[in-house]
Amino acid sequence: MTTDQLISYFKTPKKVAEFFNISQEAFYQWQNRPKKLIPKDRAIEAAFRTNSELAFDENLYQNKGNYHCNNHKNER
């Protein structure tokens, strides 16, 4: 899922930030990621919380060249 998809759905960075309970700055940092992909766990969350109106595409996260977050192993 890309930041462009989120803006298309939510219309503003502020609404995206509120949805994910993150700062707008965090959202802007996502826009600087390769291909503007949001973290995989957040894409799954968005798909779930919007009843797949925002679709999760596993294929976007398959390429090892894509930057995604896998460092949440120790979070509870």
N, C-alpha and C. Protein backbone atom coordinates (compact mmCIF):
# COMPACT_ATOMS: atom_id res chain seq x y z
N MET A 1 0.85 -1.16 0.00
CA MET A 1 0.00 0.00 0.00
C MET A 1 0.91 1.24 0.00
N THR A 2 0.53 2.20 -0.80
CA THR A 2 1.36 3.39 -0.92
C THR A 2 0.74 4.58 -0.20
N THR A 3 1.57 5.57 0.04
CA THR A 3 1.06 6.80 0.65
C THR A 3 0.08 7.49 -0.28
N ASP A 4 0.26 7.34 -1.58
CA ASP A 4 -0.69 7.93 -2.53
C ASP A 4 -2.08 7.31 -2.36
N GLN A 5 -2.13 6.01 -2.13
CA GLN A 5 -3.41 5.34 -1.90
C GLN A 5 -4.08 5.87 -0.63
N LEU A 6 -3.27 6.09 0.40
CA LEU A 6 -3.82 6.62 1.66
C LEU A 6 -4.39 8.02 1.47
N ILE A 7 -3.66 8.87 0.75
CA ILE A 7 -4.15 10.23 0.51
C ILE A 7 -5.42 10.20 -0.34
N SER A 8 -5.46 9.32 -1.31
CA SER A 8 -6.66 9.20 -2.14
C SER A 8 -7.87 8.81 -1.29
N TYR A 9 -7.65 7.96 -0.32
CA TYR A 9 -8.75 7.47 0.52
C TYR A 9 -9.12 8.48 1.62
N PHE A 10 -8.10 8.98 2.33
CA PHE A 10 -8.36 9.85 3.49
C PHE A 10 -8.38 11.34 3.15
N LYS A 11 -7.82 11.71 2.02
CA LYS A 11 -7.80 13.08 1.49
C LYS A 11 -6.71 13.98 2.07
N THR A 12 -6.31 13.80 3.33
CA THR A 12 -5.28 14.68 3.91
C THR A 12 -4.29 13.87 4.75
N PRO A 13 -3.04 14.33 4.84
CA PRO A 13 -2.08 13.67 5.73
C PRO A 13 -2.56 13.68 7.19
N LYS A 14 -3.24 14.72 7.59
CA LYS A 14 -3.73 14.80 8.96
C LYS A 14 -4.69 13.65 9.27
N LYS A 15 -5.59 13.35 8.34
CA LYS A 15 -6.54 12.25 8.56
C LYS A 15 -5.84 10.90 8.55
N VAL A 16 -4.82 10.75 7.72
CA VAL A 16 -4.03 9.51 7.73
C VAL A 16 -3.38 9.35 9.09
N ALA A 17 -2.75 10.40 9.57
CA ALA A 17 -2.06 10.36 10.86
C ALA A 17 -3.04 10.03 11.99
N GLU A 18 -4.21 10.62 11.95
CA GLU A 18 -5.21 10.32 12.98
C GLU A 18 -5.65 8.86 12.92
N PHE A 19 -5.85 8.34 11.73
CA PHE A 19 -6.27 6.95 11.56
C PHE A 19 -5.26 5.99 12.19
N PHE A 20 -3.97 6.23 11.94
CA PHE A 20 -2.93 5.35 12.45
C PHE A 20 -2.40 5.75 13.83
N ASN A 21 -2.90 6.86 14.35
CA ASN A 21 -2.42 7.40 15.62
C ASN A 21 -0.90 7.64 15.58
N ILE A 22 -0.49 8.30 14.51
CA ILE A 22 0.92 8.68 14.33
C ILE A 22 0.98 10.18 14.07
N SER A 23 2.16 10.73 14.07
CA SER A 23 2.32 12.14 13.75
C SER A 23 2.26 12.33 12.23
N GLN A 24 1.93 13.53 11.82
CA GLN A 24 1.98 13.83 10.39
C GLN A 24 3.41 13.68 9.87
N GLU A 25 4.38 14.00 10.71
CA GLU A 25 5.78 13.85 10.30
C GLU A 25 6.09 12.39 9.98
N ALA A 26 5.57 11.47 10.78
CA ALA A 26 5.78 10.05 10.50
C ALA A 26 5.20 9.68 9.13
N PHE A 27 4.01 10.21 8.84
CA PHE A 27 3.42 9.95 7.53
C PHE A 27 4.31 10.52 6.42
N TYR A 28 4.82 11.73 6.60
CA TYR A 28 5.69 12.32 5.58
C TYR A 28 6.96 11.49 5.39
N GLN A 29 7.43 10.86 6.45
CA GLN A 29 8.60 9.98 6.32
C GLN A 29 8.27 8.76 5.48
N TRP A 30 7.05 8.26 5.60
CA TRP A 30 6.63 7.14 4.75
C TRP A 30 6.68 7.53 3.28
N GLN A 31 6.37 8.79 2.97
CA GLN A 31 6.38 9.23 1.58
C GLN A 31 7.78 9.19 0.98
N ASN A 32 8.80 9.17 1.81
CA ASN A 32 10.19 9.12 1.34
C ASN A 32 10.72 7.70 1.19
N ARG A 33 9.92 6.72 1.55
CA ARG A 33 10.34 5.32 1.43
C ARG A 33 10.32 4.91 -0.05
N PRO A 34 11.10 3.89 -0.41
CA PRO A 34 11.06 3.41 -1.80
C PRO A 34 9.64 3.05 -2.23
N LYS A 35 9.28 3.53 -3.39
CA LYS A 35 7.96 3.32 -3.98
C LYS A 35 6.82 3.86 -3.12
N LYS A 36 7.16 4.69 -2.13
CA LYS A 36 6.18 5.28 -1.21
C LYS A 36 5.37 4.23 -0.46
N LEU A 37 5.98 3.04 -0.28
CA LEU A 37 5.27 1.98 0.44
C LEU A 37 5.23 2.28 1.93
N ILE A 38 4.06 2.07 2.51
CA ILE A 38 3.95 2.20 3.96
C ILE A 38 4.41 0.88 4.57
N PRO A 39 4.74 0.87 5.86
CA PRO A 39 5.17 -0.39 6.49
C PRO A 39 4.11 -1.48 6.31
N LYS A 40 4.58 -2.69 6.08
CA LYS A 40 3.69 -3.80 5.79
C LYS A 40 2.64 -4.00 6.88
N ASP A 41 3.05 -3.92 8.14
CA ASP A 41 2.09 -4.13 9.22
C ASP A 41 1.01 -3.06 9.23
N ARG A 42 1.37 -1.85 8.82
CA ARG A 42 0.37 -0.77 8.75
C ARG A 42 -0.57 -0.97 7.57
N ALA A 43 -0.06 -1.53 6.48
CA ALA A 43 -0.92 -1.81 5.32
C ALA A 43 -1.95 -2.88 5.67
N ILE A 44 -1.51 -3.89 6.39
CA ILE A 44 -2.44 -4.94 6.83
C ILE A 44 -3.49 -4.35 7.76
N GLU A 45 -3.05 -3.51 8.68
CA GLU A 45 -3.97 -2.84 9.60
C GLU A 45 -5.00 -2.01 8.85
N ALA A 46 -4.55 -1.23 7.87
CA ALA A 46 -5.47 -0.37 7.11
C ALA A 46 -6.50 -1.21 6.35
N ALA A 47 -6.06 -2.30 5.75
CA ALA A 47 -6.99 -3.17 5.03
C ALA A 47 -8.04 -3.73 5.99
N PHE A 48 -7.59 -4.18 7.14
CA PHE A 48 -8.51 -4.75 8.13
C PHE A 48 -9.50 -3.70 8.63
N ARG A 49 -8.99 -2.53 9.00
CA ARG A 49 -9.85 -1.52 9.61
C ARG A 49 -10.79 -0.84 8.62
N THR A 50 -10.48 -0.93 7.33
CA THR A 50 -11.37 -0.35 6.32
C THR A 50 -12.17 -1.42 5.60
N ASN A 51 -12.19 -2.63 6.14
CA ASN A 51 -12.89 -3.76 5.50
C ASN A 51 -12.45 -3.93 4.05
N SER A 52 -11.17 -3.80 3.83
CA SER A 52 -10.51 -3.96 2.52
C SER A 52 -10.87 -2.89 1.50
N GLU A 53 -11.47 -1.78 1.94
CA GLU A 53 -11.62 -0.65 1.02
C GLU A 53 -10.23 -0.16 0.61
N LEU A 54 -9.29 -0.21 1.53
CA LEU A 54 -7.88 -0.05 1.21
C LEU A 54 -7.33 -1.47 1.14
N ALA A 55 -6.95 -1.89 -0.03
CA ALA A 55 -6.55 -3.29 -0.24
C ALA A 55 -5.08 -3.50 0.09
N PHE A 56 -4.81 -4.60 0.78
CA PHE A 56 -3.44 -5.01 1.03
C PHE A 56 -2.97 -5.87 -0.13
N ASP A 57 -1.83 -5.51 -0.71
CA ASP A 57 -1.26 -6.27 -1.83
C ASP A 57 0.08 -6.86 -1.40
N GLU A 58 0.06 -8.13 -1.05
CA GLU A 58 1.27 -8.83 -0.60
C GLU A 58 2.41 -8.71 -1.62
N ASN A 59 2.07 -8.67 -2.90
CA ASN A 59 3.09 -8.60 -3.95
C ASN A 59 3.96 -7.37 -3.85
N LEU A 60 3.43 -6.29 -3.33
CA LEU A 60 4.23 -5.08 -3.17
C LEU A 60 5.36 -5.27 -2.18
N TYR A 61 5.20 -6.22 -1.29
CA TYR A 61 6.17 -6.42 -0.21
C TYR A 61 7.05 -7.65 -0.41
N GLN A 62 6.96 -8.31 -1.56
CA GLN A 62 7.73 -9.51 -1.82
C GLN A 62 9.17 -9.24 -2.24
N ASN A 63 9.39 -8.19 -2.98
CA ASN A 63 10.71 -7.88 -3.51
C ASN A 63 11.64 -7.47 -2.38
N LYS A 64 12.77 -8.13 -2.27
CA LYS A 64 13.72 -7.80 -1.21
C LYS A 64 14.25 -6.38 -1.32
N GLY A 65 14.12 -5.76 -2.48
CA GLY A 65 14.57 -4.39 -2.65
C GLY A 65 13.63 -3.38 -2.03
N ASN A 66 12.42 -3.80 -1.71
CA ASN A 66 11.46 -2.91 -1.07
C ASN A 66 11.81 -2.77 0.40
N TYR A 67 11.68 -1.58 0.90
CA TYR A 67 11.97 -1.32 2.30
C TYR A 67 10.71 -1.57 3.10
N HIS A 68 10.77 -2.47 4.04
CA HIS A 68 9.64 -2.66 4.95
C HIS A 68 10.18 -3.03 6.32
N CYS A 69 9.35 -2.87 7.28
CA CYS A 69 9.77 -2.99 8.67
C CYS A 69 9.57 -4.42 9.16
N ASN A 70 10.65 -5.03 9.61
CA ASN A 70 10.57 -6.36 10.22
C ASN A 70 11.19 -6.34 11.60
N ASN A 71 11.35 -5.17 12.17
CA ASN A 71 12.07 -5.07 13.43
C ASN A 71 11.13 -4.94 14.63
N HIS A 72 9.93 -5.49 14.52
CA HIS A 72 8.99 -5.41 15.62
C HIS A 72 8.89 -6.72 16.39
N LYS A 73 9.89 -7.60 16.25
CA LYS A 73 9.83 -8.92 16.85
C LYS A 73 9.64 -8.87 18.36
N ASN A 74 10.25 -7.88 19.00
CA ASN A 74 10.22 -7.84 20.46
C ASN A 74 9.10 -6.97 21.00
N GLU A 75 8.29 -6.40 20.14
CA GLU A 75 7.19 -5.57 20.61
C GLU A 75 6.04 -6.45 21.07
N ARG A 76 5.34 -6.01 22.07
CA ARG A 76 4.16 -6.76 22.56
C ARG A 76 3.01 -5.84 22.65
